[in-house]
Amino acid sequence: MRIILILLISGYLYPQRNDSQATFYNVGSKAIIGGVGALINKKPNEKGSKVFSKACIKVL
C-alpha cells in the first residue's frame, strides 16, 4: 500500500530545473519553518507578526 501511495505522489512532484531554483526553495522553506518555530517559542508579551518576520529575516 505504501509503494502505491509513493508512486501516486511522485507523479505530481518534479525536480528543480537548476541550482538557483533549488536554493530559493530551500531558503524559503527554512525561513517559514524558522518563523513558525519562533511563534511557538515567543514570549506572551511579544507580537506574533514581529516575531515571525524577525525570525524569517535571520534565516536569510
C-alpha atoms as a PDB file:
ATOM      1  CA  MET A   1       0.000   0.000   0.000  1.00  0.00           C
ATOM      2  CA  ARG A   2       2.838   2.390   0.834  1.00  0.00           C
ATOM      3  CA  ILE A   3       4.513   1.771  -2.508  1.00  0.00           C
ATOM      4  CA  ILE A   4       1.321   2.664  -4.363  1.00  0.00           C
ATOM      5  CA  LEU A   5       0.975   5.860  -2.342  1.00  0.00           C
ATOM      6  CA  ILE A   6       4.594   6.843  -3.024  1.00  0.00           C
ATOM      7  CA  LEU A   7       4.148   6.200  -6.746  1.00  0.00           C
ATOM      8  CA  LEU A   8       0.993   8.322  -6.853  1.00  0.00           C
ATOM      9  CA  ILE A   9       2.645  11.214  -5.024  1.00  0.00           C
ATOM     10  CA  SER A  10       5.803  11.031  -7.136  1.00  0.00           C
ATOM     11  CA  GLY A  11       3.701  11.581 -10.246  1.00  0.00           C
ATOM     12  CA  TYR A  12       2.880  15.091  -9.025  1.00  0.00           C
ATOM     13  CA  LEU A  13       6.416  16.011  -7.997  1.00  0.00           C
ATOM     14  CA  TYR A  14       9.025  17.368 -10.356  1.00  0.00           C
ATOM     15  CA  PRO A  15      12.703  18.236  -9.869  1.00  0.00           C
ATOM     16  CA  GLN A  16      14.045  21.765  -9.814  1.00  0.00           C
ATOM     17  CA  ARG A  17      15.332  22.947 -13.145  1.00  0.00           C
ATOM     18  CA  ASN A  18      18.577  24.418 -11.860  1.00  0.00           C
ATOM     19  CA  ASP A  19      20.587  25.082  -8.709  1.00  0.00           C
ATOM     20  CA  SER A  20      19.262  28.590  -8.142  1.00  0.00           C
ATOM     21  CA  GLN A  21      15.681  27.328  -8.108  1.00  0.00           C
ATOM     22  CA  ALA A  22      16.629  24.673  -5.556  1.00  0.00           C
ATOM     23  CA  THR A  23      18.356  27.351  -3.462  1.00  0.00           C
ATOM     24  CA  PHE A  24      15.245  29.536  -3.415  1.00  0.00           C
ATOM     25  CA  TYR A  25      13.082  26.589  -2.359  1.00  0.00           C
ATOM     26  CA  ASN A  26      15.481  25.621   0.432  1.00  0.00           C
ATOM     27  CA  VAL A  27      15.898  29.142   1.786  1.00  0.00           C
ATOM     28  CA  GLY A  28      12.180  29.854   1.564  1.00  0.00           C
ATOM     29  CA  SER A  29      11.161  26.685   3.342  1.00  0.00           C
ATOM     30  CA  LYS A  30      13.738  27.201   6.086  1.00  0.00           C
ATOM     31  CA  ALA A  31      12.546  30.790   6.600  1.00  0.00           C
ATOM     32  CA  ILE A  32       8.951  29.618   7.048  1.00  0.00           C
ATOM     33  CA  ILE A  33       9.963  26.791   9.389  1.00  0.00           C
ATOM     34  CA  GLY A  34      12.106  29.200  11.423  1.00  0.00           C
ATOM     35  CA  GLY A  35       9.233  31.677  11.650  1.00  0.00           C
ATOM     36  CA  VAL A  36       6.834  29.012  12.880  1.00  0.00           C
ATOM     37  CA  GLY A  37       9.393  27.874  15.452  1.00  0.00           C
ATOM     38  CA  ALA A  38       9.779  31.450  16.661  1.00  0.00           C
ATOM     39  CA  LEU A  39       5.998  31.760  17.011  1.00  0.00           C
ATOM     40  CA  ILE A  40       5.903  28.617  19.113  1.00  0.00           C
ATOM     41  CA  ASN A  41       8.651  29.904  21.417  1.00  0.00           C
ATOM     42  CA  LYS A  42       7.632  33.569  21.613  1.00  0.00           C
ATOM     43  CA  LYS A  43       7.064  35.320  24.916  1.00  0.00           C
ATOM     44  CA  PRO A  44       3.489  36.179  25.850  1.00  0.00           C
ATOM     45  CA  ASN A  45       4.058  39.938  25.571  1.00  0.00           C
ATOM     46  CA  GLU A  46       5.564  39.800  22.028  1.00  0.00           C
ATOM     47  CA  LYS A  47       3.530  40.339  18.849  1.00  0.00           C
ATOM     48  CA  GLY A  48       3.347  37.298  16.603  1.00  0.00           C
ATOM     49  CA  SER A  49       3.877  39.140  13.325  1.00  0.00           C
ATOM     50  CA  LYS A  50       7.011  40.882  14.589  1.00  0.00           C
ATOM     51  CA  VAL A  51       8.490  37.649  15.932  1.00  0.00           C
ATOM     52  CA  PHE A  52       7.693  35.750  12.711  1.00  0.00           C
ATOM     53  CA  SER A  53       9.206  38.382  10.418  1.00  0.00           C
ATOM     54  CA  LYS A  54      12.294  38.777  12.601  1.00  0.00           C
ATOM     55  CA  ALA A  55      12.921  35.010  12.533  1.00  0.00           C
ATOM     56  CA  CYS A  56      12.427  34.834   8.750  1.00  0.00           C
ATOM     57  CA  ILE A  57      14.944  37.617   8.206  1.00  0.00           C
ATOM     58  CA  LYS A  58      17.510  35.902  10.445  1.00  0.00           C
ATOM     59  CA  VAL A  59      17.427  32.821   8.220  1.00  0.00           C
ATOM     60  CA  LEU A  60      18.209  34.907   5.159  1.00  0.00           C
END
